Amino acid sequence: MTCTGLCVTRETCRFFPFVALLLLIAAAAACGGAATVPPAASEDLPPIGAEPVADPSDAGVLVVFLGDSLTAGYGLAEEEAFPALVGDRLTADGLPVRVVNAGVSGDTSAGGLSRIDWILRQRPDVVVVELGPNDGLRGQPLAAIEDNLRQIIQRSRRAGARVLLVGMQLPPSLGPEYTAGFRDLYGRLAEELDVPLVPFLLAGVAGEADLNLADGIHPNARGHRRIAETVAPYLREVIEGGA
């Protein structure tokens, strides 16, 4: 197999951008692992300093965004990613927020679970959980994804943090039963654990070429502004309502 980049059809990218991520992972494996999951997404806890740390002297509600490349703002400056934009928006509206972007490209629910205890050392007031797409694109068992997310939520709450869960969806090319089960696990967890839920992070962004980078996978700066508009009202409700 000759490696010339992503082997992704225009139809696939147009239908749903981050389906191309699965093909990238598969292509990398076939080419000897040219693209690998970062070490922080492994089962090992990250070393101190592997994630941004909030300045404890700053005033405001401390919000940690735990996620993958969508949270990290792949291809963008940190201030262009939706976590920073949400923080800026809420602060401008009179609700001071300190944001820690703990997004790691390629991360999975298992990777997030391996990092959560370290992240909770920062004593966040709120943890926003955006994980699962990479698991789903790799066809991981739905029960395992759900259990990892459940443990992340439970550990965050035991540490005194409120939680905002972010729902995700998969392309139907992975099969109707699997994609429906993946979509539904977020709502089921939200109901079971009584946590607020953003129904779909990429609402109005997925499949829109002008809101995504040229790779057809990750939102561009405009796409992240749209995501921030989606997330901000939910986070405000969590902070103000003490959910």
Protein backbone atom coordinates (compact mmCIF):
# COMPACT_ATOMS: atom_id res chain seq x y z
CA MET A 1 0.00 0.00 0.00
CA THR A 2 1.37 3.41 -0.98
CA CYS A 3 0.77 6.22 1.52
CA THR A 4 -0.25 9.47 -0.12
CA GLY A 5 -2.36 10.89 2.70
CA LEU A 6 -5.99 10.33 3.55
CA CYS A 7 -7.78 7.87 1.31
CA VAL A 8 -11.15 9.54 1.76
CA THR A 9 -13.81 10.02 -0.89
CA ARG A 10 -15.43 13.39 -1.36
CA GLU A 11 -18.79 11.79 -0.70
CA THR A 12 -17.63 10.48 2.69
CA CYS A 13 -16.18 13.81 3.81
CA ARG A 14 -19.23 15.70 2.62
CA PHE A 15 -21.56 13.36 4.48
CA PHE A 16 -19.89 13.55 7.88
CA PRO A 17 -16.47 15.14 8.52
CA PHE A 18 -15.01 13.13 11.36
CA VAL A 19 -15.68 9.76 9.70
CA ALA A 20 -12.42 10.55 7.90
CA LEU A 21 -10.63 10.27 11.22
CA LEU A 22 -11.27 6.53 11.30
CA LEU A 23 -9.76 6.20 7.84
CA LEU A 24 -6.73 8.19 8.93
CA ILE A 25 -6.18 5.82 11.86
CA ALA A 26 -6.53 2.79 9.61
CA ALA A 27 -4.22 4.27 6.96
CA ALA A 28 -1.60 5.09 9.57
CA ALA A 29 -1.64 1.53 10.87
CA ALA A 30 -1.25 0.15 7.35
CA CYS A 31 1.69 2.47 6.74
CA GLY A 32 3.61 1.41 9.78
CA GLY A 33 1.98 3.72 12.28
CA ALA A 34 2.84 7.12 10.80
CA ALA A 35 0.12 8.71 12.91
CA THR A 36 -0.28 7.46 16.44
CA VAL A 37 -2.50 8.23 19.38
CA PRO A 38 -0.65 10.62 21.71
CA PRO A 39 0.77 9.08 24.88
CA ALA A 40 -1.69 11.08 27.02
CA ALA A 41 -4.51 9.04 25.51
CA SER A 42 -3.02 5.80 26.82
CA GLU A 43 -3.88 4.03 30.03
CA ASP A 44 -1.05 5.83 31.89
CA LEU A 45 -1.71 9.02 33.79
CA PRO A 46 -0.02 12.02 32.16
CA PRO A 47 3.00 13.55 33.85
CA ILE A 48 2.63 16.80 35.71
CA GLY A 49 2.79 19.59 33.16
CA ALA A 50 1.30 17.51 30.34
CA GLU A 51 -1.88 19.57 30.51
CA PRO A 52 -2.50 23.31 30.89
CA VAL A 53 -2.90 24.32 34.52
CA ALA A 54 -5.19 27.10 35.64
CA ASP A 55 -3.72 29.98 37.62
CA PRO A 56 -5.22 29.62 41.11
CA SER A 57 -4.84 33.36 41.64
CA ASP A 58 -7.36 34.11 38.91
CA ALA A 59 -10.94 34.86 39.88
CA GLY A 60 -13.89 33.06 38.39
CA VAL A 61 -15.44 29.63 38.01
CA LEU A 62 -12.84 27.03 36.99
CA VAL A 63 -14.08 24.93 34.07
CA VAL A 64 -12.05 22.05 32.67
CA PHE A 65 -12.94 20.81 29.18
CA LEU A 66 -11.98 17.12 28.96
CA GLY A 67 -12.03 15.93 25.37
CA ASP A 68 -10.36 14.94 22.14
CA SER A 69 -9.20 16.92 19.08
CA LEU A 70 -12.56 18.67 18.84
CA THR A 71 -12.00 20.18 22.27
CA ALA A 72 -8.27 20.73 21.70
CA GLY A 73 -9.04 22.79 18.60
CA TYR A 74 -6.95 20.79 16.16
CA GLY A 75 -5.21 23.06 13.65
CA LEU A 76 -6.14 26.25 15.50
CA ALA A 77 -4.66 28.52 18.13
CA GLU A 78 -5.88 27.73 21.64
CA GLU A 79 -7.84 30.97 21.81
CA GLU A 80 -9.77 29.97 18.67
CA ALA A 81 -11.00 26.65 20.10
CA PHE A 82 -14.53 26.54 21.47
CA PRO A 83 -13.56 26.15 25.17
CA ALA A 84 -11.77 29.52 25.14
CA LEU A 85 -14.59 31.08 23.13
CA VAL A 86 -17.19 29.83 25.60
CA GLY A 87 -15.15 31.23 28.48
CA ASP A 88 -14.78 34.60 26.75
CA ARG A 89 -18.47 34.74 25.97
CA LEU A 90 -19.61 33.97 29.51
CA THR A 91 -17.09 36.35 31.04
CA ALA A 92 -18.21 39.13 28.70
CA ASP A 93 -21.77 38.45 29.81
CA GLY A 94 -20.81 38.99 33.45
CA LEU A 95 -20.10 35.39 34.46
CA PRO A 96 -16.31 35.19 34.98
CA VAL A 97 -14.96 31.81 33.89
CA ARG A 98 -11.45 30.37 33.97
CA VAL A 99 -10.98 27.73 31.28
CA VAL A 100 -8.56 24.81 31.17
CA ASN A 101 -8.51 23.09 27.78
CA ALA A 102 -7.68 19.45 28.55
CA GLY A 103 -8.38 18.25 25.03
CA VAL A 104 -5.97 15.69 23.56
CA SER A 105 -6.13 14.78 19.87
CA GLY A 106 -6.91 11.11 19.38
CA ASP A 107 -8.16 10.66 22.93
CA THR A 108 -10.76 8.05 23.83
CA SER A 109 -13.10 7.56 26.75
CA ALA A 110 -10.52 5.20 28.27
CA GLY A 111 -7.82 7.83 27.83
CA GLY A 112 -10.02 10.43 29.47
CA LEU A 113 -10.70 8.09 32.36
CA SER A 114 -6.96 7.54 32.82
CA ARG A 115 -6.44 11.32 33.02
CA ILE A 116 -9.41 12.40 35.09
CA ASP A 117 -7.89 11.92 38.55
CA TRP A 118 -4.88 14.01 37.59
CA ILE A 119 -7.14 16.70 36.13
CA LEU A 120 -9.27 16.77 39.26
CA ARG A 121 -6.20 17.80 41.25
CA GLN A 122 -6.85 21.26 39.86
CA ARG A 123 -10.13 21.30 41.82
CA PRO A 124 -12.40 22.37 38.95
CA ASP A 125 -15.85 23.72 39.66
CA VAL A 126 -17.17 22.20 36.41
CA VAL A 127 -15.93 19.43 34.11
CA VAL A 128 -17.22 19.43 30.53
CA VAL A 129 -16.90 15.88 29.14
CA GLU A 130 -16.55 15.58 25.35
CA LEU A 131 -15.35 12.05 24.60
CA GLY A 132 -16.43 8.97 22.69
CA PRO A 133 -16.14 9.72 18.94
CA ASN A 134 -12.73 8.06 18.60
CA ASP A 135 -14.03 5.00 20.45
CA GLY A 136 -17.03 4.82 18.17
CA LEU A 137 -15.04 5.27 14.97
CA ARG A 138 -12.87 2.35 16.07
CA GLY A 139 -15.93 0.21 16.76
CA GLN A 140 -15.30 -0.15 20.48
CA PRO A 141 -18.02 -1.90 22.53
CA LEU A 142 -20.75 0.56 23.44
CA ALA A 143 -21.01 -0.79 26.97
CA ALA A 144 -17.32 -0.03 27.56
CA ILE A 145 -17.66 3.53 26.23
CA GLU A 146 -20.68 4.12 28.44
CA ASP A 147 -18.95 2.71 31.50
CA ASN A 148 -15.85 4.86 30.96
CA LEU A 149 -17.97 8.00 30.67
CA ARG A 150 -19.97 6.98 33.74
CA GLN A 151 -16.80 6.62 35.78
CA ILE A 152 -15.50 10.00 34.59
CA ILE A 153 -18.75 11.65 35.66
CA GLN A 154 -18.86 9.86 39.00
CA ARG A 155 -15.24 10.63 39.87
CA SER A 156 -15.72 14.28 38.93
CA ARG A 157 -18.74 14.55 41.18
CA ARG A 158 -17.01 12.83 44.07
CA ALA A 159 -14.29 15.47 43.75
CA GLY A 160 -16.93 18.19 44.10
CA ALA A 161 -17.21 19.20 40.44
CA ARG A 162 -20.39 19.69 38.49
CA VAL A 163 -20.50 17.96 35.10
CA LEU A 164 -21.75 18.90 31.66
CA LEU A 165 -21.90 15.92 29.30
CA VAL A 166 -21.52 16.54 25.57
CA GLY A 167 -23.36 14.23 23.20
CA MET A 168 -21.88 13.02 19.94
CA GLN A 169 -23.06 11.11 16.89
CA LEU A 170 -21.48 8.76 14.35
CA PRO A 171 -22.01 8.44 10.59
CA PRO A 172 -24.58 5.81 9.54
CA SER A 173 -21.87 4.04 7.52
CA LEU A 174 -20.94 2.30 10.79
CA GLY A 175 -24.31 0.57 10.81
CA PRO A 176 -27.73 1.69 12.04
CA GLU A 177 -27.74 -0.41 15.20
CA TYR A 178 -24.29 0.70 16.36
CA THR A 179 -24.78 4.38 15.50
CA ALA A 180 -28.18 4.50 17.21
CA GLY A 181 -26.75 2.80 20.28
CA PHE A 182 -23.84 5.24 20.36
CA ARG A 183 -26.12 8.26 20.07
CA ASP A 184 -28.47 6.97 22.75
CA LEU A 185 -25.83 6.17 25.36
CA TYR A 186 -25.30 9.88 26.08
CA GLY A 187 -28.97 10.50 26.79
CA ARG A 188 -29.17 7.36 28.87
CA LEU A 189 -26.18 8.43 30.98
CA ALA A 190 -27.57 11.94 31.40
CA GLU A 191 -30.85 10.53 32.67
CA GLU A 192 -29.26 7.86 34.87
CA LEU A 193 -26.81 10.23 36.55
CA ASP A 194 -28.97 13.34 36.35
CA VAL A 195 -26.40 15.43 34.49
CA PRO A 196 -27.15 18.13 31.90
CA LEU A 197 -26.49 17.15 28.30
CA VAL A 198 -25.51 19.05 25.16
CA PRO A 199 -27.40 16.86 22.65
CA PHE A 200 -24.85 17.11 19.79
CA LEU A 201 -21.64 19.14 19.85
CA LEU A 202 -21.39 19.46 16.07
CA ALA A 203 -24.99 20.53 15.44
CA GLY A 204 -24.95 22.85 12.44
CA VAL A 205 -21.23 22.18 11.86
CA ALA A 206 -20.88 18.53 10.78
CA GLY A 207 -20.96 18.21 7.02
CA GLU A 208 -20.66 21.97 6.40
CA ALA A 209 -17.55 22.52 4.27
CA ASP A 210 -17.25 26.21 5.11
CA LEU A 211 -17.18 25.41 8.84
CA ASN A 212 -14.46 22.75 8.68
CA LEU A 213 -10.76 22.62 7.87
CA ALA A 214 -9.58 21.40 4.47
CA ASP A 215 -9.09 17.92 5.95
CA GLY A 216 -12.86 17.59 6.20
CA ILE A 217 -12.45 16.31 9.75
CA HIS A 218 -12.03 19.18 12.17
CA PRO A 219 -14.02 22.41 12.53
CA ASN A 220 -12.26 25.62 11.50
CA ALA A 221 -12.34 28.88 13.45
CA ARG A 222 -15.84 29.65 12.20
CA GLY A 223 -16.97 26.16 13.10
CA HIS A 224 -15.64 26.56 16.63
CA ARG A 225 -17.51 29.84 16.99
CA ARG A 226 -20.67 27.96 16.05
CA ILE A 227 -19.88 25.22 18.58
CA ALA A 228 -19.33 27.87 21.27
CA GLU A 229 -22.80 29.23 20.56
CA THR A 230 -24.18 25.72 21.12
CA VAL A 231 -22.28 24.99 24.34
CA ALA A 232 -22.35 28.35 26.13
CA PRO A 233 -26.04 28.33 27.20
CA TYR A 234 -25.71 24.84 28.68
CA LEU A 235 -22.58 25.75 30.61
CA ARG A 236 -24.18 28.94 31.88
CA GLU A 237 -27.12 26.93 33.19
CA VAL A 238 -24.80 24.50 34.97
CA ILE A 239 -22.84 27.31 36.62
CA GLU A 240 -25.81 29.44 37.59
CA GLY A 241 -28.12 26.57 38.52
CA GLY A 242 -25.58 24.48 40.37
CA ALA A 243 -26.55 21.41 38.32
